[in-house]
């Protein structure tokens, strides 16, 4: 008798010491594996200034992520996806944007502009998610100057999905516009564990997860506020 696919509990936005996170790749995988997550995307920053992950160290970064992904699969049944956060900062927040490239296995240079970087990441098969996409009205109290997607509708077709929630911050314009959405923890340190997460009703393999994120099929969002207590127990 046919059965429905059990949804996968996903963290789709997480950082390590390769950029501005507090944990190593191994420590990050162990953390989410112990918490019972099904999917973890490692999305360290690559920037125009060629800091953090860049063309010169990308092969080493990818090799470490892939090695820890195999270990996490064996130890926890955790599917770890390689990725990058394409980090296009600008003094003008209407030009600044960060985009998660999930399932990316080639370095993408953002120095040539946001649109070119997104086209390259998409050509390499990544699922693209606009990260913390502030509306113009939210920018006054924002911690990041990433208002390009909220201010410039012509960019919307360049990504597959948008963060509706980043931790506990709601980007209501995403829902109002009817965009396919996810929720993420934007993990940098353990206090970022709790909050909104994504459930994906698809098989637990990389092609299925990336393909689902690239589609317009619905993702389900859940708020988890007891992750710290579960880990402590």
C-alpha atoms as a PDB file:
ATOM      1  CA  UNK A   1       0.000   0.000   0.000  1.00  0.00           C
ATOM      2  CA  UNK A   2       1.458   3.422  -0.930  1.00  0.00           C
ATOM      3  CA  UNK A   3       2.781   5.480   1.960  1.00  0.00           C
ATOM      4  CA  UNK A   4       3.633   9.150   2.171  1.00  0.00           C
ATOM      5  CA  UNK A   5       7.251  10.259   2.265  1.00  0.00           C
ATOM      6  CA  UNK A   6       8.363  11.097   5.812  1.00  0.00           C
ATOM      7  CA  UNK A   7       9.531  14.719   5.800  1.00  0.00           C
ATOM      8  CA  UNK A   8      13.228  15.431   6.282  1.00  0.00           C
ATOM      9  CA  UNK A   9      14.234  17.791   9.082  1.00  0.00           C
ATOM     10  CA  UNK A  10      16.722  20.177   7.489  1.00  0.00           C
ATOM     11  CA  UNK A  11      19.198  22.857   8.468  1.00  0.00           C
ATOM     12  CA  UNK A  12      19.896  24.587   5.168  1.00  0.00           C
ATOM     13  CA  UNK A  13      22.126  27.474   6.303  1.00  0.00           C
ATOM     14  CA  UNK A  14      25.140  26.781   8.535  1.00  0.00           C
ATOM     15  CA  UNK A  15      28.671  28.124   8.933  1.00  0.00           C
ATOM     16  CA  UNK A  16      31.953  26.688  10.208  1.00  0.00           C
ATOM     17  CA  UNK A  17      35.394  28.051  11.007  1.00  0.00           C
ATOM     18  CA  UNK A  18      36.024  28.219   7.278  1.00  0.00           C
ATOM     19  CA  UNK A  19      34.129  31.508   7.500  1.00  0.00           C
ATOM     20  CA  UNK A  20      32.505  33.089  10.558  1.00  0.00           C
ATOM     21  CA  UNK A  21      31.244  30.053  12.461  1.00  0.00           C
ATOM     22  CA  UNK A  22      32.546  28.878  15.840  1.00  0.00           C
ATOM     23  CA  UNK A  23      32.712  25.137  15.039  1.00  0.00           C
ATOM     24  CA  UNK A  24      34.782  22.957  12.741  1.00  0.00           C
ATOM     25  CA  UNK A  25      33.022  21.017   9.984  1.00  0.00           C
ATOM     26  CA  UNK A  26      33.272  17.865  12.119  1.00  0.00           C
ATOM     27  CA  UNK A  27      31.860  19.574  15.201  1.00  0.00           C
ATOM     28  CA  UNK A  28      28.976  21.003  13.159  1.00  0.00           C
ATOM     29  CA  UNK A  29      28.119  17.588  11.704  1.00  0.00           C
ATOM     30  CA  UNK A  30      28.299  15.950  15.125  1.00  0.00           C
ATOM     31  CA  UNK A  31      26.009  18.606  16.595  1.00  0.00           C
ATOM     32  CA  UNK A  32      23.252  18.195  14.011  1.00  0.00           C
ATOM     33  CA  UNK A  33      23.725  14.431  13.853  1.00  0.00           C
ATOM     34  CA  UNK A  34      23.238  14.082  17.605  1.00  0.00           C
ATOM     35  CA  UNK A  35      20.121  16.230  17.405  1.00  0.00           C
ATOM     36  CA  UNK A  36      18.538  13.856  14.891  1.00  0.00           C
ATOM     37  CA  UNK A  37      18.492  16.097  11.830  1.00  0.00           C
ATOM     38  CA  UNK A  38      18.192  14.440   8.440  1.00  0.00           C
ATOM     39  CA  UNK A  39      19.890  17.083   6.270  1.00  0.00           C
ATOM     40  CA  UNK A  40      22.588  19.686   6.926  1.00  0.00           C
ATOM     41  CA  UNK A  41      23.843  22.163   4.319  1.00  0.00           C
ATOM     42  CA  UNK A  42      27.303  23.634   5.009  1.00  0.00           C
ATOM     43  CA  UNK A  43      27.196  27.100   3.475  1.00  0.00           C
ATOM     44  CA  UNK A  44      30.316  29.073   4.358  1.00  0.00           C
ATOM     45  CA  UNK A  45      30.822  32.556   2.956  1.00  0.00           C
ATOM     46  CA  UNK A  46      32.619  33.423  -0.252  1.00  0.00           C
ATOM     47  CA  UNK A  47      33.021  37.176  -0.767  1.00  0.00           C
ATOM     48  CA  UNK A  48      34.136  39.757  -3.300  1.00  0.00           C
ATOM     49  CA  UNK A  49      37.224  40.403  -1.162  1.00  0.00           C
ATOM     50  CA  UNK A  50      38.231  36.724  -1.567  1.00  0.00           C
ATOM     51  CA  UNK A  51      38.227  36.209   2.181  1.00  0.00           C
ATOM     52  CA  UNK A  52      37.005  33.064   3.918  1.00  0.00           C
ATOM     53  CA  UNK A  53      36.306  30.453   1.208  1.00  0.00           C
ATOM     54  CA  UNK A  54      37.880  31.509  -2.087  1.00  0.00           C
ATOM     55  CA  UNK A  55      39.241  29.986  -5.294  1.00  0.00           C
ATOM     56  CA  UNK A  56      42.604  29.258  -3.691  1.00  0.00           C
ATOM     57  CA  UNK A  57      41.299  27.187  -0.772  1.00  0.00           C
ATOM     58  CA  UNK A  58      38.027  25.886  -2.190  1.00  0.00           C
ATOM     59  CA  UNK A  59      39.389  22.424  -3.056  1.00  0.00           C
ATOM     60  CA  UNK A  60      40.518  21.931   0.553  1.00  0.00           C
ATOM     61  CA  UNK A  61      37.174  23.203   1.859  1.00  0.00           C
ATOM     62  CA  UNK A  62      35.176  20.868  -0.368  1.00  0.00           C
ATOM     63  CA  UNK A  63      37.390  17.902   0.491  1.00  0.00           C
ATOM     64  CA  UNK A  64      36.854  18.460   4.216  1.00  0.00           C
ATOM     65  CA  UNK A  65      33.095  18.835   3.830  1.00  0.00           C
ATOM     66  CA  UNK A  66      32.863  15.690   1.712  1.00  0.00           C
ATOM     67  CA  UNK A  67      35.003  13.651   4.118  1.00  0.00           C
ATOM     68  CA  UNK A  68      32.875  14.710   7.079  1.00  0.00           C
ATOM     69  CA  UNK A  69      29.719  14.089   5.053  1.00  0.00           C
ATOM     70  CA  UNK A  70      30.709  10.449   4.597  1.00  0.00           C
ATOM     71  CA  UNK A  71      31.503  10.102   8.295  1.00  0.00           C
ATOM     72  CA  UNK A  72      28.185  11.750   9.282  1.00  0.00           C
ATOM     73  CA  UNK A  73      26.265   9.465   6.934  1.00  0.00           C
ATOM     74  CA  UNK A  74      27.783   6.354   8.496  1.00  0.00           C
ATOM     75  CA  UNK A  75      27.535   7.530  12.100  1.00  0.00           C
ATOM     76  CA  UNK A  76      24.219   9.390  12.178  1.00  0.00           C
ATOM     77  CA  UNK A  77      22.423   8.803   8.885  1.00  0.00           C
ATOM     78  CA  UNK A  78      22.850  12.563   8.328  1.00  0.00           C
ATOM     79  CA  UNK A  79      22.903  13.829   4.744  1.00  0.00           C
ATOM     80  CA  UNK A  80      25.467  16.646   4.554  1.00  0.00           C
ATOM     81  CA  UNK A  81      25.346  18.890   1.492  1.00  0.00           C
ATOM     82  CA  UNK A  82      28.237  21.043   0.339  1.00  0.00           C
ATOM     83  CA  UNK A  83      27.429  24.642  -0.461  1.00  0.00           C
ATOM     84  CA  UNK A  84      28.458  28.271  -0.220  1.00  0.00           C
ATOM     85  CA  UNK A  85      26.841  31.502   0.845  1.00  0.00           C
ATOM     86  CA  UNK A  86      27.444  33.797  -2.124  1.00  0.00           C
ATOM     87  CA  UNK A  87      28.094  37.004  -0.211  1.00  0.00           C
ATOM     88  CA  UNK A  88      27.649  40.166  -2.251  1.00  0.00           C
ATOM     89  CA  UNK A  89      27.956  43.068   0.172  1.00  0.00           C
ATOM     90  CA  UNK A  90      27.644  46.668  -0.947  1.00  0.00           C
ATOM     91  CA  UNK A  91      27.467  50.086   0.764  1.00  0.00           C
ATOM     92  CA  UNK A  92      24.039  50.435  -0.853  1.00  0.00           C
ATOM     93  CA  UNK A  93      21.780  47.861   0.858  1.00  0.00           C
ATOM     94  CA  UNK A  94      19.534  47.792  -2.211  1.00  0.00           C
ATOM     95  CA  UNK A  95      22.480  46.219  -4.055  1.00  0.00           C
ATOM     96  CA  UNK A  96      23.642  43.888  -1.278  1.00  0.00           C
ATOM     97  CA  UNK A  97      22.474  40.268  -1.215  1.00  0.00           C
ATOM     98  CA  UNK A  98      23.495  36.895   0.170  1.00  0.00           C
ATOM     99  CA  UNK A  99      22.397  33.708  -1.590  1.00  0.00           C
ATOM    100  CA  UNK A 100      22.791  30.122  -0.406  1.00  0.00           C
ATOM    101  CA  UNK A 101      24.062  27.841  -3.168  1.00  0.00           C
ATOM    102  CA  UNK A 102      23.126  24.389  -1.853  1.00  0.00           C
ATOM    103  CA  UNK A 103      24.642  21.342  -3.515  1.00  0.00           C
ATOM    104  CA  UNK A 104      27.405  23.411  -5.137  1.00  0.00           C
ATOM    105  CA  UNK A 105      30.668  21.590  -5.893  1.00  0.00           C
ATOM    106  CA  UNK A 106      32.510  24.269  -7.836  1.00  0.00           C
ATOM    107  CA  UNK A 107      33.787  27.587  -6.568  1.00  0.00           C
ATOM    108  CA  UNK A 108      31.750  30.571  -7.784  1.00  0.00           C
ATOM    109  CA  UNK A 109      33.379  34.000  -7.795  1.00  0.00           C
ATOM    110  CA  UNK A 110      31.093  36.856  -6.732  1.00  0.00           C
ATOM    111  CA  UNK A 111      33.555  39.566  -7.783  1.00  0.00           C
ATOM    112  CA  UNK A 112      31.956  39.728 -11.237  1.00  0.00           C
ATOM    113  CA  UNK A 113      28.561  40.721  -9.859  1.00  0.00           C
ATOM    114  CA  UNK A 114      25.565  39.108  -8.221  1.00  0.00           C
ATOM    115  CA  UNK A 115      23.728  38.140 -11.396  1.00  0.00           C
ATOM    116  CA  UNK A 116      26.770  36.472 -12.944  1.00  0.00           C
ATOM    117  CA  UNK A 117      27.485  34.544  -9.739  1.00  0.00           C
ATOM    118  CA  UNK A 118      23.914  33.269  -9.532  1.00  0.00           C
ATOM    119  CA  UNK A 119      23.930  32.205 -13.172  1.00  0.00           C
ATOM    120  CA  UNK A 120      27.173  30.297 -12.621  1.00  0.00           C
ATOM    121  CA  UNK A 121      25.926  28.560  -9.469  1.00  0.00           C
ATOM    122  CA  UNK A 122      22.686  27.579 -11.169  1.00  0.00           C
ATOM    123  CA  UNK A 123      24.604  26.217 -14.169  1.00  0.00           C
ATOM    124  CA  UNK A 124      26.581  24.037 -11.734  1.00  0.00           C
ATOM    125  CA  UNK A 125      23.328  22.538 -10.445  1.00  0.00           C
ATOM    126  CA  UNK A 126      22.987  24.302  -7.098  1.00  0.00           C
ATOM    127  CA  UNK A 127      19.682  25.211  -5.492  1.00  0.00           C
ATOM    128  CA  UNK A 128      19.652  28.965  -4.829  1.00  0.00           C
ATOM    129  CA  UNK A 129      18.021  30.512  -1.756  1.00  0.00           C
ATOM    130  CA  UNK A 130      17.925  34.250  -1.017  1.00  0.00           C
ATOM    131  CA  UNK A 131      19.228  34.601   2.549  1.00  0.00           C
ATOM    132  CA  UNK A 132      17.813  37.102   5.081  1.00  0.00           C
ATOM    133  CA  UNK A 133      16.136  39.145   2.285  1.00  0.00           C
ATOM    134  CA  UNK A 134      15.160  42.333   4.089  1.00  0.00           C
ATOM    135  CA  UNK A 135      12.411  44.539   2.728  1.00  0.00           C
ATOM    136  CA  UNK A 136      13.179  48.263   2.429  1.00  0.00           C
ATOM    137  CA  UNK A 137      10.999  48.856   5.495  1.00  0.00           C
ATOM    138  CA  UNK A 138      13.030  46.383   7.595  1.00  0.00           C
ATOM    139  CA  UNK A 139      16.452  47.749   6.730  1.00  0.00           C
ATOM    140  CA  UNK A 140      16.457  50.443   9.408  1.00  0.00           C
ATOM    141  CA  UNK A 141      16.672  47.780  12.116  1.00  0.00           C
ATOM    142  CA  UNK A 142      18.529  45.150  10.110  1.00  0.00           C
ATOM    143  CA  UNK A 143      21.838  43.617  11.142  1.00  0.00           C
ATOM    144  CA  UNK A 144      22.844  43.052   7.506  1.00  0.00           C
ATOM    145  CA  UNK A 145      22.563  45.245   4.434  1.00  0.00           C
ATOM    146  CA  UNK A 146      20.902  42.585   2.296  1.00  0.00           C
ATOM    147  CA  UNK A 147      17.938  44.410   0.805  1.00  0.00           C
ATOM    148  CA  UNK A 148      18.452  43.723  -2.898  1.00  0.00           C
ATOM    149  CA  UNK A 149      15.773  41.052  -3.249  1.00  0.00           C
ATOM    150  CA  UNK A 150      13.257  42.996  -1.183  1.00  0.00           C
ATOM    151  CA  UNK A 151      13.792  46.159  -3.220  1.00  0.00           C
ATOM    152  CA  UNK A 152      14.381  44.792  -6.725  1.00  0.00           C
ATOM    153  CA  UNK A 153      11.713  42.435  -8.087  1.00  0.00           C
ATOM    154  CA  UNK A 154      13.720  41.897 -11.270  1.00  0.00           C
ATOM    155  CA  UNK A 155      16.077  39.688  -9.225  1.00  0.00           C
ATOM    156  CA  UNK A 156      13.406  37.289  -7.994  1.00  0.00           C
ATOM    157  CA  UNK A 157      13.650  34.892 -10.917  1.00  0.00           C
ATOM    158  CA  UNK A 158      17.373  34.406 -10.337  1.00  0.00           C
ATOM    159  CA  UNK A 159      16.821  32.257  -7.229  1.00  0.00           C
ATOM    160  CA  UNK A 160      14.698  29.201  -6.474  1.00  0.00           C
ATOM    161  CA  UNK A 161      13.537  30.048  -2.957  1.00  0.00           C
ATOM    162  CA  UNK A 162      13.649  32.692  -0.243  1.00  0.00           C
ATOM    163  CA  UNK A 163      14.156  32.501   3.489  1.00  0.00           C
ATOM    164  CA  UNK A 164      10.804  33.266   5.046  1.00  0.00           C
ATOM    165  CA  UNK A 165      12.418  32.849   8.463  1.00  0.00           C
ATOM    166  CA  UNK A 166      16.073  33.354   9.338  1.00  0.00           C
ATOM    167  CA  UNK A 167      16.267  32.170  12.943  1.00  0.00           C
ATOM    168  CA  UNK A 168      13.347  34.128  14.445  1.00  0.00           C
ATOM    169  CA  UNK A 169      13.256  36.968  11.903  1.00  0.00           C
ATOM    170  CA  UNK A 170      10.234  36.893   9.587  1.00  0.00           C
ATOM    171  CA  UNK A 171      10.418  38.303   6.062  1.00  0.00           C
ATOM    172  CA  UNK A 172       6.708  38.727   5.541  1.00  0.00           C
ATOM    173  CA  UNK A 173       6.980  40.171   2.054  1.00  0.00           C
ATOM    174  CA  UNK A 174       8.195  36.755   0.846  1.00  0.00           C
ATOM    175  CA  UNK A 175       4.898  35.124   1.855  1.00  0.00           C
ATOM    176  CA  UNK A 176       2.878  38.069   0.526  1.00  0.00           C
ATOM    177  CA  UNK A 177       4.573  37.687  -2.859  1.00  0.00           C
ATOM    178  CA  UNK A 178       3.875  33.939  -2.919  1.00  0.00           C
ATOM    179  CA  UNK A 179       7.520  32.917  -3.282  1.00  0.00           C
ATOM    180  CA  UNK A 180       8.637  29.356  -2.478  1.00  0.00           C
ATOM    181  CA  UNK A 181      10.181  29.572   0.970  1.00  0.00           C
ATOM    182  CA  UNK A 182      12.369  27.850   3.521  1.00  0.00           C
ATOM    183  CA  UNK A 183      13.326  28.524   7.145  1.00  0.00           C
ATOM    184  CA  UNK A 184      16.856  28.293   8.499  1.00  0.00           C
ATOM    185  CA  UNK A 185      18.932  28.753  11.632  1.00  0.00           C
ATOM    186  CA  UNK A 186      21.792  30.595   9.893  1.00  0.00           C
ATOM    187  CA  UNK A 187      23.953  28.686  12.358  1.00  0.00           C
ATOM    188  CA  UNK A 188      27.203  30.242  13.579  1.00  0.00           C
ATOM    189  CA  UNK A 189      27.238  29.142  17.227  1.00  0.00           C
ATOM    190  CA  UNK A 190      25.181  26.880  19.528  1.00  0.00           C
ATOM    191  CA  UNK A 191      22.770  29.621  20.591  1.00  0.00           C
ATOM    192  CA  UNK A 192      21.524  29.620  16.984  1.00  0.00           C
ATOM    193  CA  UNK A 193      20.187  26.065  17.215  1.00  0.00           C
ATOM    194  CA  UNK A 194      16.605  26.827  18.185  1.00  0.00           C
ATOM    195  CA  UNK A 195      14.141  28.529  15.873  1.00  0.00           C
ATOM    196  CA  UNK A 196      12.509  27.880  12.543  1.00  0.00           C
ATOM    197  CA  UNK A 197      13.581  24.934  10.351  1.00  0.00           C
ATOM    198  CA  UNK A 198      12.518  23.331   7.086  1.00  0.00           C
ATOM    199  CA  UNK A 199      10.799  19.987   6.495  1.00  0.00           C
ATOM    200  CA  UNK A 200      11.118  18.549   2.976  1.00  0.00           C
ATOM    201  CA  UNK A 201       8.883  15.654   1.843  1.00  0.00           C
ATOM    202  CA  UNK A 202      11.411  13.963  -0.435  1.00  0.00           C
ATOM    203  CA  UNK A 203      13.894  11.070  -0.377  1.00  0.00           C
ATOM    204  CA  UNK A 204      17.062  11.513   1.659  1.00  0.00           C
ATOM    205  CA  UNK A 205      19.621  11.806  -1.087  1.00  0.00           C
ATOM    206  CA  UNK A 206      21.418  14.810  -2.492  1.00  0.00           C
ATOM    207  CA  UNK A 207      19.818  14.836  -5.927  1.00  0.00           C
ATOM    208  CA  UNK A 208      16.318  14.620  -4.447  1.00  0.00           C
ATOM    209  CA  UNK A 209      16.874  17.376  -1.870  1.00  0.00           C
ATOM    210  CA  UNK A 210      18.556  19.767  -4.294  1.00  0.00           C
ATOM    211  CA  UNK A 211      15.937  19.019  -6.954  1.00  0.00           C
ATOM    212  CA  UNK A 212      13.121  19.658  -4.493  1.00  0.00           C
ATOM    213  CA  UNK A 213      14.631  22.987  -3.452  1.00  0.00           C
ATOM    214  CA  UNK A 214      14.960  23.988  -7.106  1.00  0.00           C
ATOM    215  CA  UNK A 215      11.258  23.257  -7.648  1.00  0.00           C
ATOM    216  CA  UNK A 216       8.213  25.246  -6.563  1.00  0.00           C
ATOM    217  CA  UNK A 217       6.823  22.368  -4.532  1.00  0.00           C
ATOM    218  CA  UNK A 218       5.853  23.277  -0.955  1.00  0.00           C
ATOM    219  CA  UNK A 219       8.307  23.058   1.896  1.00  0.00           C
ATOM    220  CA  UNK A 220       6.959  22.857   5.426  1.00  0.00           C
ATOM    221  CA  UNK A 221       8.257  25.062   8.209  1.00  0.00           C
ATOM    222  CA  UNK A 222       8.470  24.119  11.882  1.00  0.00           C
ATOM    223  CA  UNK A 223       9.604  26.011  14.945  1.00  0.00           C
ATOM    224  CA  UNK A 224      11.870  24.040  17.272  1.00  0.00           C
ATOM    225  CA  UNK A 225      12.582  25.747  20.572  1.00  0.00           C
ATOM    226  CA  UNK A 226      13.874  22.833  22.640  1.00  0.00           C
ATOM    227  CA  UNK A 227      17.014  21.878  20.737  1.00  0.00           C
ATOM    228  CA  UNK A 228      19.370  23.228  23.400  1.00  0.00           C
ATOM    229  CA  UNK A 229      17.590  21.166  26.066  1.00  0.00           C
ATOM    230  CA  UNK A 230      17.673  18.025  23.912  1.00  0.00           C
ATOM    231  CA  UNK A 231      21.415  18.384  23.410  1.00  0.00           C
ATOM    232  CA  UNK A 232      22.040  18.966  27.113  1.00  0.00           C
ATOM    233  CA  UNK A 233      20.030  15.864  27.974  1.00  0.00           C
END
